Protein backbone atom coordinates (compact mmCIF):
# COMPACT_ATOMS: atom_id res chain seq x y z
CA MET A 1 -25.33 77.46 -88.61
CA SER A 2 -28.05 79.43 -86.80
CA ALA A 3 -31.37 78.53 -85.23
CA THR A 4 -34.18 81.08 -85.35
CA LEU A 5 -37.18 81.37 -83.07
CA PRO A 6 -40.46 81.06 -85.00
CA PRO A 7 -42.29 84.35 -85.65
CA ALA A 8 -44.61 85.38 -82.84
CA ALA A 9 -46.17 88.46 -81.35
CA HIS A 10 -43.77 90.86 -79.64
CA GLY A 11 -43.92 92.62 -76.29
CA PRO A 12 -43.42 91.60 -72.63
CA ALA A 13 -46.43 89.25 -72.52
CA ALA A 14 -45.31 87.40 -75.64
CA ARG A 15 -41.75 87.07 -74.35
CA ASP A 16 -43.04 85.73 -71.03
CA ALA A 17 -45.11 83.14 -72.90
CA VAL A 18 -42.05 81.98 -74.85
CA LEU A 19 -39.93 81.60 -71.74
CA GLU A 20 -42.70 79.87 -69.81
CA ALA A 21 -43.21 77.47 -72.72
CA ALA A 22 -39.47 76.75 -72.70
CA ARG A 23 -39.54 76.06 -68.97
CA TRP A 24 -42.47 73.62 -69.23
CA TYR A 25 -40.92 71.88 -72.23
CA SER A 26 -37.61 71.38 -70.43
CA LEU A 27 -39.32 70.02 -67.31
CA GLN A 28 -41.39 67.62 -69.42
CA ARG A 29 -38.29 66.32 -71.20
CA GLU A 30 -36.45 65.81 -67.91
CA GLY A 31 -39.44 63.90 -66.46
CA VAL A 32 -39.44 65.75 -63.12
CA LEU A 33 -43.12 66.79 -62.94
CA ASP A 34 -45.38 65.24 -60.32
CA GLN A 35 -49.17 64.94 -60.67
CA ALA A 36 -49.90 68.40 -59.24
CA GLN A 37 -47.32 70.03 -61.52
CA GLN A 38 -48.76 68.23 -64.53
CA ALA A 39 -52.15 69.69 -63.64
CA ARG A 40 -50.66 73.20 -63.44
CA PHE A 41 -49.00 72.66 -66.81
CA MET A 42 -52.32 71.72 -68.42
CA ASP A 43 -54.01 74.74 -66.83
CA TRP A 44 -51.32 76.99 -68.30
CA LEU A 45 -51.40 75.31 -71.71
CA LEU A 46 -55.19 75.71 -72.07
CA ALA A 47 -55.37 79.21 -70.63
CA SER A 48 -54.59 80.88 -73.97
CA PRO A 49 -54.16 79.89 -77.62
CA ALA A 50 -50.85 81.78 -77.47
CA HIS A 51 -49.56 79.34 -74.83
CA LEU A 52 -50.30 76.34 -77.05
CA ARG A 53 -48.73 78.05 -80.07
CA GLU A 54 -45.54 78.89 -78.18
CA TYR A 55 -45.26 75.41 -76.69
CA LEU A 56 -45.52 73.82 -80.14
CA ALA A 57 -42.98 76.33 -81.46
CA VAL A 58 -40.60 75.38 -78.67
CA GLY A 59 -40.84 71.73 -79.70
CA HIS A 60 -40.08 72.73 -83.27
CA VAL A 61 -36.98 74.66 -82.17
CA ALA A 62 -35.79 71.67 -80.11
CA ILE A 63 -35.89 69.43 -83.17
CA GLU A 64 -34.11 71.99 -85.35
CA LEU A 65 -31.36 72.50 -82.78
CA GLY A 66 -30.57 68.82 -82.35
CA GLU A 67 -27.99 68.44 -85.09
CA ALA A 68 -26.24 71.69 -84.21
CA LEU A 69 -26.00 70.86 -80.51
CA ARG A 70 -24.45 67.48 -81.28
CA ALA A 71 -21.55 69.43 -82.76
CA ALA A 72 -21.40 72.05 -80.01
CA PRO A 73 -18.48 72.04 -77.55
CA ASP A 74 -19.03 70.55 -74.11
CA ASP A 75 -18.71 73.91 -72.37
CA VAL A 76 -22.29 75.16 -72.63
CA ASP A 77 -21.54 77.95 -70.17
CA ALA A 78 -18.92 79.33 -72.57
CA LEU A 79 -21.56 79.48 -75.31
CA LEU A 80 -23.94 81.29 -72.96
CA ARG A 81 -21.31 83.86 -71.99
CA ALA A 82 -20.43 84.44 -75.62
CA ALA A 83 -24.08 84.95 -76.47
CA GLU A 84 -24.54 87.47 -73.67
CA ALA A 85 -21.55 89.43 -75.00
CA ASP A 86 -23.15 89.68 -78.46
CA GLY A 87 -24.59 93.16 -78.77
CA ASP A 88 -26.48 92.90 -82.06
CA GLY A 89 -29.82 92.53 -80.28
CA GLY A 90 -30.90 89.61 -82.42
CA ASN A 91 -32.59 86.41 -81.41
CA VAL A 92 -30.29 84.16 -83.46
CA VAL A 93 -28.30 81.48 -81.61
CA ARG A 94 -25.04 80.73 -83.47
CA LEU A 95 -23.72 77.21 -83.00
CA PRO A 96 -20.64 75.50 -84.52
CA LEU A 97 -20.88 72.83 -87.20
CA ALA A 98 -19.11 69.50 -86.86
CA ARG A 99 -15.86 69.32 -88.85
CA THR A 100 -17.29 66.59 -91.06
CA ALA A 101 -20.71 68.15 -91.47
CA THR A 102 -21.94 69.13 -94.95
CA PRO A 103 -23.40 72.66 -95.13
CA ARG A 104 -27.11 72.72 -95.83
CA ALA A 105 -28.21 73.91 -99.23
CA ALA A 106 -30.57 76.49 -97.79
CA ALA A 107 -29.67 78.58 -94.74
CA VAL A 108 -32.23 79.38 -92.09
CA ALA A 109 -33.53 82.89 -92.74
CA ALA A 110 -33.07 85.56 -90.06
CA PRO A 111 -36.29 86.98 -88.62
CA ALA A 112 -37.65 90.20 -90.04
CA ARG A 113 -37.86 91.81 -86.63
CA ARG A 114 -35.49 91.52 -83.64
CA TRP A 115 -35.98 91.50 -79.90
CA PRO A 116 -34.17 93.91 -77.56
CA ARG A 117 -30.80 92.80 -76.19
CA LEU A 118 -32.24 91.47 -72.93
CA ALA A 119 -34.69 89.27 -74.78
CA SER A 120 -31.83 88.09 -77.01
CA ALA A 121 -29.99 86.65 -74.01
CA ALA A 122 -33.19 84.91 -72.92
CA ALA A 123 -33.63 83.46 -76.40
CA VAL A 124 -30.07 82.09 -76.33
CA LEU A 125 -30.73 80.42 -72.99
CA LEU A 126 -33.95 78.99 -74.41
CA GLY A 127 -32.29 77.59 -77.53
CA LEU A 128 -29.51 75.86 -75.63
CA ALA A 129 -31.88 74.53 -72.99
CA LEU A 130 -34.03 72.88 -75.61
CA GLY A 131 -31.19 70.73 -76.96
CA VAL A 132 -31.86 68.00 -74.40
CA HIS A 133 -32.56 65.42 -77.12
CA ALA A 134 -29.07 65.84 -78.58
CA GLY A 135 -27.20 63.72 -76.08
CA TRP A 136 -28.48 65.55 -73.00
CA PRO A 137 -28.90 65.06 -70.11
CA ARG A 138 -25.38 63.84 -69.31
CA THR A 139 -25.21 61.60 -66.28
CA SER A 140 -22.26 60.20 -64.34
CA HIS A 141 -22.31 57.92 -61.31
CA HIS A 142 -19.61 57.85 -58.63
CA VAL A 143 -19.02 55.48 -55.71
CA ALA A 144 -16.37 55.50 -52.96
CA GLY A 145 -15.81 52.21 -51.13
CA HIS A 146 -14.91 51.54 -47.52
CA GLY A 147 -11.68 53.33 -46.59
CA GLN A 148 -11.37 54.81 -50.08
CA PRO A 149 -12.47 58.46 -50.25
CA ARG A 150 -12.19 59.99 -53.71
CA SER A 151 -11.74 63.40 -55.30
CA PHE A 152 -12.69 64.11 -58.91
CA VAL A 153 -13.81 66.91 -61.23
CA LEU A 154 -17.22 67.01 -62.89
CA ALA A 155 -17.84 68.10 -66.49
CA ASP A 156 -18.26 71.78 -65.58
CA GLY A 157 -15.07 71.97 -63.48
CA THR A 158 -16.74 71.49 -60.09
CA ARG A 159 -14.45 69.53 -57.74
CA VAL A 160 -16.13 66.84 -55.65
CA HIS A 161 -14.72 65.20 -52.53
CA LEU A 162 -16.62 61.95 -51.97
CA ASN A 163 -16.09 60.35 -48.58
CA ALA A 164 -15.66 56.60 -48.06
CA GLU A 165 -18.89 54.55 -48.18
CA SER A 166 -20.60 57.29 -50.22
CA GLU A 167 -22.38 57.47 -53.56
CA LEU A 168 -23.70 60.20 -55.84
CA THR A 169 -25.03 60.80 -59.34
CA ALA A 170 -24.33 63.98 -61.33
CA ARG A 171 -26.84 65.01 -63.99
CA TYR A 172 -26.11 67.88 -66.36
CA THR A 173 -28.51 69.48 -68.82
CA PRO A 174 -28.32 72.79 -70.67
CA TRP A 175 -30.92 73.95 -68.12
CA GLY A 176 -28.98 73.18 -64.95
CA ARG A 177 -26.43 71.15 -62.98
CA GLN A 178 -27.80 68.70 -60.43
CA VAL A 179 -26.18 66.18 -58.10
CA GLU A 180 -28.05 63.54 -56.12
CA LEU A 181 -26.26 62.32 -53.00
CA VAL A 182 -27.52 58.76 -52.57
CA ARG A 183 -25.67 58.00 -49.33
CA GLY A 184 -22.74 59.15 -47.26
CA GLN A 185 -20.94 62.48 -47.43
CA ALA A 186 -19.70 64.76 -50.19
CA GLY A 187 -18.00 68.14 -50.39
CA PHE A 188 -18.25 70.49 -53.37
CA VAL A 189 -16.08 73.30 -54.68
CA VAL A 190 -18.50 74.63 -57.26
CA ALA A 191 -17.20 76.00 -60.55
CA ASP A 192 -18.56 79.29 -61.83
CA GLY A 193 -21.31 78.92 -64.41
CA LEU A 194 -24.57 80.45 -65.58
CA ARG A 195 -26.47 77.21 -65.05
CA PRO A 196 -27.70 76.72 -61.45
CA PHE A 197 -25.98 74.04 -59.33
CA ALA A 198 -27.99 72.06 -56.78
CA VAL A 199 -27.56 68.97 -54.62
CA ARG A 200 -30.55 66.78 -53.80
CA ALA A 201 -30.34 64.47 -50.78
CA ALA A 202 -32.96 62.81 -48.57
CA GLY A 203 -35.77 65.01 -49.87
CA LEU A 204 -33.76 68.21 -49.51
CA ARG A 205 -32.46 70.52 -52.22
CA VAL A 206 -29.29 72.48 -51.49
CA ARG A 207 -28.94 75.36 -53.95
CA ASP A 208 -25.45 76.71 -54.42
CA ILE A 209 -24.82 80.43 -54.64
CA GLY A 210 -21.10 80.42 -55.54
CA THR A 211 -19.60 78.41 -52.73
CA THR A 212 -17.71 75.54 -51.13
CA PHE A 213 -19.94 73.32 -49.03
CA GLU A 214 -20.62 69.76 -47.95
CA VAL A 215 -23.64 67.52 -47.38
CA TRP A 216 -23.58 64.58 -44.99
CA LEU A 217 -26.41 62.05 -44.69
CA GLN A 218 -26.43 60.71 -41.16
CA ARG A 219 -28.75 58.15 -39.59
CA ASP A 220 -31.65 60.45 -38.73
CA GLN A 221 -30.67 63.82 -40.16
CA ALA A 222 -28.85 65.60 -42.95
CA ARG A 223 -25.98 67.91 -42.12
CA ILE A 224 -25.02 70.81 -44.37
CA GLY A 225 -21.96 72.99 -43.76
CA VAL A 226 -20.62 75.97 -45.71
CA ALA A 227 -16.89 76.75 -45.85
CA ASP A 228 -17.15 79.62 -48.34
CA GLY A 229 -19.97 81.49 -50.07
CA ARG A 230 -23.61 80.68 -49.41
CA VAL A 231 -26.25 77.99 -49.91
CA GLN A 232 -30.02 77.79 -49.50
CA VAL A 233 -31.71 74.57 -48.36
CA PHE A 234 -35.28 73.75 -49.45
CA ASP A 235 -37.77 71.04 -48.46
CA ASP A 236 -37.88 69.40 -51.88
CA ALA A 237 -40.04 66.45 -50.80
CA GLY A 238 -42.61 68.60 -49.02
CA ASP A 239 -43.96 72.06 -49.73
CA GLY A 240 -40.73 73.40 -51.20
CA ARG A 241 -40.26 75.96 -48.43
CA LEU A 242 -36.90 77.48 -47.57
CA LEU A 243 -35.47 75.70 -44.50
CA ALA A 244 -32.11 77.42 -44.11
CA ASP A 245 -30.01 80.18 -45.67
CA LEU A 246 -26.39 79.52 -44.75
CA GLY A 247 -23.28 81.64 -45.18
CA ALA A 248 -19.61 80.80 -44.70
CA GLY A 249 -18.80 79.29 -41.33
CA HIS A 250 -22.38 78.17 -40.69
CA GLY A 251 -24.22 74.89 -40.91
CA ALA A 252 -27.57 73.21 -40.35
CA ARG A 253 -28.80 69.83 -39.18
CA ILE A 254 -32.20 68.93 -40.61
CA GLY A 255 -34.22 65.98 -39.35
CA TYR A 256 -35.56 63.54 -41.91
CA ALA A 257 -38.87 62.91 -40.14
CA ASP A 258 -39.96 66.38 -39.00
CA ARG A 259 -37.67 68.69 -41.01
CA ALA A 260 -36.63 70.34 -37.73
CA VAL A 261 -33.68 72.66 -38.34
CA VAL A 262 -30.83 73.24 -35.89
CA LEU A 263 -28.39 75.97 -36.92
CA ALA A 264 -24.78 76.03 -35.71
CA ASP A 265 -21.42 77.64 -36.37
CA GLU A 266 -18.97 75.50 -38.33
CA ASP A 267 -15.18 75.49 -38.32
CA PRO A 268 -14.29 75.19 -42.04
CA ALA A 269 -10.92 73.61 -41.24
CA ALA A 270 -12.51 70.90 -39.08
CA MET A 271 -15.45 70.47 -41.46
CA ASN A 272 -13.19 69.75 -44.44
CA ALA A 273 -10.57 67.74 -42.52
CA TRP A 274 -11.74 64.48 -44.08
CA TRP A 275 -10.72 65.83 -47.51
CA ARG A 276 -7.15 65.39 -46.20
CA ARG A 277 -7.95 61.99 -44.60
CA ARG A 278 -8.26 63.46 -41.13
CA ILE A 279 -11.17 63.31 -38.72
CA GLY A 280 -11.96 66.77 -37.38
CA PHE A 281 -14.68 67.22 -34.77
CA ARG A 282 -15.67 70.12 -32.54
CA ASP A 283 -18.12 69.57 -29.69
CA GLU A 284 -19.61 66.54 -31.45
CA PRO A 285 -21.06 63.37 -29.88
CA LEU A 286 -18.85 60.30 -29.79
CA HIS A 287 -21.28 58.21 -31.86
CA GLU A 288 -20.80 60.64 -34.80
CA VAL A 289 -17.02 60.56 -34.40
CA ALA A 290 -17.18 56.76 -34.44
CA GLU A 291 -19.21 56.79 -37.66
CA ARG A 292 -16.57 58.93 -39.37
CA PHE A 293 -13.71 56.78 -38.11
CA ASN A 294 -15.39 53.52 -39.14
CA ARG A 295 -15.71 54.68 -42.77
CA MET A 296 -11.94 54.70 -43.03
CA ASN A 297 -10.69 51.70 -41.03
CA ARG A 298 -11.01 47.94 -40.69
CA VAL A 299 -10.51 48.21 -36.93
CA ARG A 300 -13.87 49.57 -35.86
CA LEU A 301 -14.85 51.81 -32.99
CA GLN A 302 -17.92 50.39 -31.21
CA VAL A 303 -19.83 52.56 -28.74
CA ASP A 304 -21.36 50.22 -26.16
CA ASP A 305 -23.81 52.50 -24.33
CA PRO A 306 -25.84 55.68 -25.06
CA MET A 307 -24.21 57.67 -22.27
CA ALA A 308 -20.79 57.24 -23.85
CA GLY A 309 -22.17 57.87 -27.34
CA ALA A 310 -23.60 61.23 -26.24
CA LEU A 311 -20.31 62.51 -24.83
CA ARG A 312 -19.25 65.57 -26.84
CA LEU A 313 -15.63 65.74 -27.94
CA THR A 314 -13.25 68.04 -29.81
CA GLY A 315 -10.20 66.90 -31.73
CA ASN A 316 -8.43 66.46 -35.08
CA LEU A 317 -6.86 63.05 -35.77
CA ASP A 318 -5.33 61.12 -38.65
CA ALA A 319 -8.20 58.98 -39.92
CA ALA A 320 -5.91 55.95 -40.34
CA ASP A 321 -4.09 56.24 -36.99
CA VAL A 322 -5.93 53.75 -34.78
CA GLU A 323 -3.48 54.06 -31.91
CA SER A 324 -3.86 57.84 -31.72
CA LEU A 325 -7.63 57.51 -31.58
CA HIS A 326 -7.43 54.85 -28.87
CA ALA A 327 -5.03 57.01 -26.84
CA PHE A 328 -7.32 60.05 -27.26
CA LEU A 329 -10.31 58.09 -25.92
CA ARG A 330 -8.36 56.70 -22.98
CA GLN A 331 -7.63 60.29 -21.92
CA GLN A 332 -11.34 61.02 -21.44
CA PRO A 333 -12.09 60.63 -17.70
CA SER A 334 -15.69 59.48 -18.23
CA LEU A 335 -14.86 56.78 -20.81
CA ALA A 336 -13.57 53.22 -20.51
CA THR A 337 -12.10 51.39 -23.50
CA HIS A 338 -10.97 47.86 -24.26
CA LEU A 339 -9.93 45.90 -27.36
CA GLN A 340 -11.93 42.81 -28.25
CA ASP A 341 -12.41 40.89 -31.53
CA GLY A 342 -10.62 43.51 -33.58
CA ARG A 343 -12.79 46.36 -32.23
CA ILE A 344 -12.21 49.25 -29.87
CA HIS A 345 -15.13 49.07 -27.45
CA VAL A 346 -16.00 52.34 -25.75
CA GLY A 347 -18.42 52.85 -22.89
CA SER A 348 -18.98 55.04 -19.88
CA ARG A 349 -17.00 54.09 -16.80
CA ALA A 350 -20.17 53.22 -14.94
CA ALA A 351 -21.26 50.73 -17.61
CA SER A 352 -18.07 49.36 -19.19
CA PRO A 353 -15.21 47.03 -18.20
CA ALA A 354 -12.09 48.66 -16.82
CA SER A 355 -9.86 50.27 -19.41
CA ARG A 356 -6.89 48.25 -20.56
């Protein structure tokens, strides 16, 4: 079966109108437009009769593609790659029929004129993107409980490491791949694909550019670290500006309230230690180390005063080895520790009971 774009004027301006119509249609179907964006959409729609015509044509294509996309394989990226390899220069998107489907009596006629090869690839992307009504978007929700970090693979082959006490939702459309980190910490080894991959968290958007990275929502800031490749971080809740452009071995801490950005080097081995149920930390304050440890254990580490919590430490410990952690803290000359009510209390020597 094939789906054909409705006849329209040719040339760069006409092609731009088609693609812009496709973009607006997809955004409308996904329900992601705010009031200001809706106003811009109306301005664009009314700016030219051609815009209205192309937008209505896009809706028509979406309806026609519905049945075919229900029968399409799950790997949309494979379809896109196959379409890009097609050198016939046409604007026909070929999609498989279901095994039980009955061929239609009348085939859809091919257009009399064809676009250049570059426009053909754009038309293929358009046709697949507009199949959102045929079972798209696809959403999955994942939760990791206390002491129970998880690893799993998303529909596109991206591997996710979800730390204990964390939660995320993955939403896939033909237009893109998006993950929302609701709480906690997650690491991503992103699979190759033509659709963009992004993580949204606390009003930030982390756009992947072929990489392995993690996002950690802390009490007053978000922490992003890159082990391989590159990511860009945008202020998604504000003006959309670029906040950080991070390569391998680099990270950023971004405040929730003021969007202040602090850049730092990251040790990939320490950053990803929790994937192997270890707690790796390099020159980090004790209160952050305690937060990581407490995700994984019933015996909790309680920091009793700000001076102790601000002490910066470096180490790499088994997340489940309480005794090793306690011994490590006892070795710090400025700290005092004691066990009470199933907790390891930690304070500065000037403010805490004697160590025992």
